[in-house]
Amino acid sequence: MEHPVRTLNRLLAILCAGYVTFVGAAHAQGPDGDARELLETLREAPVEEAARLTGEILERWSHSGSAALDYLLSRGRDALDAEDYGAAIEHLTALTDHAPDFAEGWNARGTAFFLTERFGLAAADLERALALNPHHFGALSGLGVIYERIDQPKAALQAFEEALKIHPHMEDVRAAVERLRAQTQGVAL
């Protein structure tokens, strides 16, 4: 069985990778992009199709409808990639201040707060992202990581299970669910 810290690190990588964009995805429709059809397709898609669909969904969610706001998101993500978390939080705070209804801004800032181990702020931002976009499997996965990190396994399990209902192809999340079920329900002898 894999060590829980390794699994958490992989889940963190998923959360951070949630902002990866794919060239050629369709244009956004609405503040978070209309990805409903893609989400439905993703639930039933074969594994080999899941990565492409995930990319298209994330691309749609990354467009605010404003070039200036998209630029702030891009700057925040670039700062995250450079591990300049202070700058990332500044850019992403400017984004959430100017576009409080743009879920991806909250998700990205939640990631930045997580990476600086400000788990309460991270969870609040991810919950805000979910209030705006209840299908955000990255935000749900991120909440699961946070809850597990702060030793709330039942809340972590619930967040991960909800994420899998939306995106059933996240193997690290599936492994976390299995591990947490055993932890919270005990193992039958």
Protein backbone atom coordinates (compact mmCIF):
# COMPACT_ATOMS: atom_id res chain seq x y z
CA MET A 1 0.00 0.00 0.00
CA GLU A 2 1.28 3.45 -0.89
CA HIS A 3 2.30 5.79 1.90
CA PRO A 4 -0.42 8.43 2.62
CA VAL A 5 2.04 11.33 2.23
CA ARG A 6 2.88 10.19 -1.30
CA THR A 7 -0.79 9.98 -2.12
CA LEU A 8 -1.37 13.46 -0.70
CA ASN A 9 1.50 14.79 -2.78
CA ARG A 10 -0.01 13.25 -5.89
CA LEU A 11 -3.42 14.70 -5.08
CA LEU A 12 -1.79 18.08 -4.59
CA ALA A 13 -0.25 17.69 -8.02
CA ILE A 14 -3.75 17.04 -9.41
CA LEU A 15 -5.03 20.16 -7.69
CA CYS A 16 -2.16 22.22 -9.06
CA ALA A 17 -2.54 20.68 -12.49
CA GLY A 18 -6.20 21.66 -12.45
CA TYR A 19 -5.24 24.90 -14.09
CA VAL A 20 -3.37 23.36 -17.01
CA THR A 21 -4.88 24.54 -20.27
CA PHE A 22 -5.11 22.70 -23.54
CA VAL A 23 -4.78 24.43 -26.91
CA GLY A 24 -7.70 24.17 -29.25
CA ALA A 25 -10.48 23.83 -26.70
CA ALA A 26 -13.84 25.41 -27.42
CA HIS A 27 -14.63 28.97 -26.41
CA ALA A 28 -16.23 29.65 -23.05
CA GLN A 29 -19.91 30.34 -22.72
CA GLY A 30 -20.74 32.26 -19.57
CA PRO A 31 -18.52 33.22 -16.65
CA ASP A 32 -17.20 29.70 -15.98
CA GLY A 33 -17.65 28.25 -19.41
CA ASP A 34 -20.50 25.97 -20.36
CA ALA A 35 -19.00 22.55 -19.80
CA ARG A 36 -22.19 20.66 -18.90
CA GLU A 37 -22.19 18.46 -21.99
CA LEU A 38 -18.50 17.70 -21.58
CA LEU A 39 -19.05 16.78 -17.93
CA GLU A 40 -21.81 14.36 -18.92
CA THR A 41 -19.57 12.84 -21.56
CA LEU A 42 -16.68 12.59 -19.09
CA ARG A 43 -18.75 10.51 -16.66
CA GLU A 44 -19.31 7.84 -19.32
CA ALA A 45 -16.08 8.22 -21.29
CA PRO A 46 -13.46 5.51 -21.61
CA VAL A 47 -10.23 6.17 -19.74
CA GLU A 48 -8.30 7.04 -22.91
CA GLU A 49 -10.79 9.84 -23.69
CA ALA A 50 -10.89 11.26 -20.14
CA ALA A 51 -7.66 13.28 -20.36
CA ARG A 52 -8.81 15.15 -23.47
CA LEU A 53 -12.23 15.87 -21.99
CA THR A 54 -10.68 17.00 -18.71
CA GLY A 55 -8.48 19.42 -20.63
CA GLU A 56 -11.42 20.87 -22.53
CA ILE A 57 -13.43 21.31 -19.33
CA LEU A 58 -10.55 23.02 -17.54
CA GLU A 59 -9.96 25.26 -20.54
CA ARG A 60 -13.58 26.40 -20.55
CA TRP A 61 -13.52 27.04 -16.81
CA SER A 62 -10.38 29.16 -17.27
CA HIS A 63 -12.07 31.85 -19.36
CA SER A 64 -13.76 34.67 -17.49
CA GLY A 65 -15.03 36.49 -20.55
CA SER A 66 -12.58 39.36 -19.97
CA ALA A 67 -9.06 39.50 -21.38
CA ALA A 68 -7.88 41.58 -18.40
CA LEU A 69 -9.24 39.08 -15.88
CA ASP A 70 -7.87 36.13 -17.83
CA TYR A 71 -4.49 37.88 -17.73
CA LEU A 72 -4.67 38.09 -13.92
CA LEU A 73 -5.44 34.37 -13.80
CA SER A 74 -2.51 33.68 -16.12
CA ARG A 75 -0.16 35.81 -14.00
CA GLY A 76 -1.32 34.04 -10.85
CA ARG A 77 -0.76 30.63 -12.41
CA ASP A 78 2.66 31.65 -13.71
CA ALA A 79 3.59 32.74 -10.18
CA LEU A 80 2.35 29.39 -8.83
CA ASP A 81 4.51 27.58 -11.39
CA ALA A 82 7.49 29.69 -10.29
CA GLU A 83 6.67 28.89 -6.64
CA ASP A 84 6.27 32.63 -5.97
CA TYR A 85 3.22 32.09 -3.82
CA GLY A 86 3.08 35.65 -2.49
CA ALA A 87 2.84 37.05 -6.01
CA ALA A 88 0.33 34.35 -6.95
CA ILE A 89 -1.90 35.30 -4.04
CA GLU A 90 -1.64 39.01 -4.97
CA HIS A 91 -2.64 38.41 -8.60
CA LEU A 92 -5.39 35.99 -7.68
CA THR A 93 -6.74 38.26 -4.95
CA ALA A 94 -6.95 41.06 -7.52
CA LEU A 95 -8.83 38.62 -9.75
CA THR A 96 -11.31 37.56 -7.06
CA ASP A 97 -11.81 41.21 -6.06
CA HIS A 98 -12.66 42.18 -9.65
CA ALA A 99 -14.50 39.00 -10.60
CA PRO A 100 -16.12 37.57 -7.48
CA ASP A 101 -18.37 35.32 -9.60
CA PHE A 102 -15.48 33.66 -11.49
CA ALA A 103 -15.04 30.24 -9.88
CA GLU A 104 -11.62 29.52 -11.34
CA GLY A 105 -10.15 32.58 -9.63
CA TRP A 106 -11.23 31.21 -6.25
CA ASN A 107 -9.98 27.73 -7.12
CA ALA A 108 -6.55 29.03 -8.15
CA ARG A 109 -6.22 31.22 -5.08
CA GLY A 110 -7.29 28.27 -2.92
CA THR A 111 -4.42 26.32 -4.46
CA ALA A 112 -2.01 29.14 -3.61
CA PHE A 113 -3.23 29.28 -0.03
CA PHE A 114 -2.88 25.51 0.25
CA LEU A 115 0.70 25.66 -0.98
CA THR A 116 1.47 28.19 1.76
CA GLU A 117 -0.21 25.88 4.30
CA ARG A 118 -3.02 28.34 5.03
CA PHE A 119 -5.58 25.58 5.03
CA GLY A 120 -8.51 27.57 6.41
CA LEU A 121 -8.18 30.22 3.70
CA ALA A 122 -7.64 27.53 1.07
CA ALA A 123 -10.77 25.65 2.12
CA ALA A 124 -12.83 28.86 2.15
CA ASP A 125 -11.73 29.71 -1.40
CA LEU A 126 -12.40 26.20 -2.68
CA GLU A 127 -15.83 26.23 -1.07
CA ARG A 128 -16.52 29.57 -2.78
CA ALA A 129 -15.43 28.05 -6.10
CA LEU A 130 -17.84 25.17 -5.49
CA ALA A 131 -20.68 27.54 -4.63
CA LEU A 132 -20.14 29.13 -8.04
CA ASN A 133 -19.39 25.90 -9.90
CA PRO A 134 -20.68 22.82 -8.04
CA HIS A 135 -19.12 20.54 -10.68
CA HIS A 136 -15.55 21.68 -10.06
CA PHE A 137 -13.89 18.33 -9.45
CA GLY A 138 -10.52 20.05 -8.86
CA ALA A 139 -11.94 22.13 -6.03
CA LEU A 140 -13.60 19.06 -4.52
CA SER A 141 -10.35 17.11 -4.75
CA GLY A 142 -8.51 20.02 -3.18
CA LEU A 143 -10.94 20.11 -0.29
CA GLY A 144 -10.40 16.41 0.19
CA VAL A 145 -6.65 16.92 0.38
CA ILE A 146 -7.08 19.74 2.90
CA TYR A 147 -9.48 17.78 5.09
CA GLU A 148 -7.17 14.80 5.09
CA ARG A 149 -4.20 17.02 5.89
CA ILE A 150 -6.00 18.53 8.91
CA ASP A 151 -7.08 15.09 10.11
CA GLN A 152 -10.75 15.20 9.14
CA PRO A 153 -10.97 11.87 7.30
CA LYS A 154 -14.78 11.74 7.07
CA ALA A 155 -14.95 15.18 5.45
CA ALA A 156 -12.06 14.22 3.16
CA LEU A 157 -13.84 11.03 2.14
CA GLN A 158 -17.04 12.92 1.37
CA ALA A 159 -15.21 15.49 -0.78
CA PHE A 160 -13.32 12.82 -2.69
CA GLU A 161 -16.48 10.76 -3.27
CA GLU A 162 -18.26 13.84 -4.63
CA ALA A 163 -15.31 14.53 -6.94
CA LEU A 164 -15.47 10.98 -8.29
CA LYS A 165 -19.19 11.32 -9.04
CA ILE A 166 -18.25 14.14 -11.41
CA HIS A 167 -14.91 12.82 -12.69
CA PRO A 168 -14.70 9.04 -12.17
CA HIS A 169 -11.29 8.74 -13.87
CA MET A 170 -9.12 10.31 -11.14
CA GLU A 171 -7.18 7.26 -9.95
CA ASP A 172 -5.37 9.03 -7.10
CA VAL A 173 -8.70 10.25 -5.78
CA ARG A 174 -10.10 6.73 -6.08
CA ALA A 175 -7.11 5.40 -4.09
CA ALA A 176 -7.70 8.08 -1.44
CA VAL A 177 -11.36 7.02 -1.19
CA GLU A 178 -10.38 3.39 -0.64
CA ARG A 179 -7.79 4.35 1.98
CA LEU A 180 -10.17 6.69 3.81
CA ARG A 181 -13.04 4.19 3.75
CA ALA A 182 -10.79 1.68 5.47
CA GLN A 183 -9.67 4.34 7.94
CA THR A 184 -13.14 5.65 8.78
CA GLN A 185 -15.05 2.37 8.71
CA GLY A 186 -12.35 0.05 9.94
CA VAL A 187 -11.15 -3.09 8.25
CA ALA A 188 -13.16 -6.29 8.61
CA LEU A 189 -11.14 -9.19 9.97
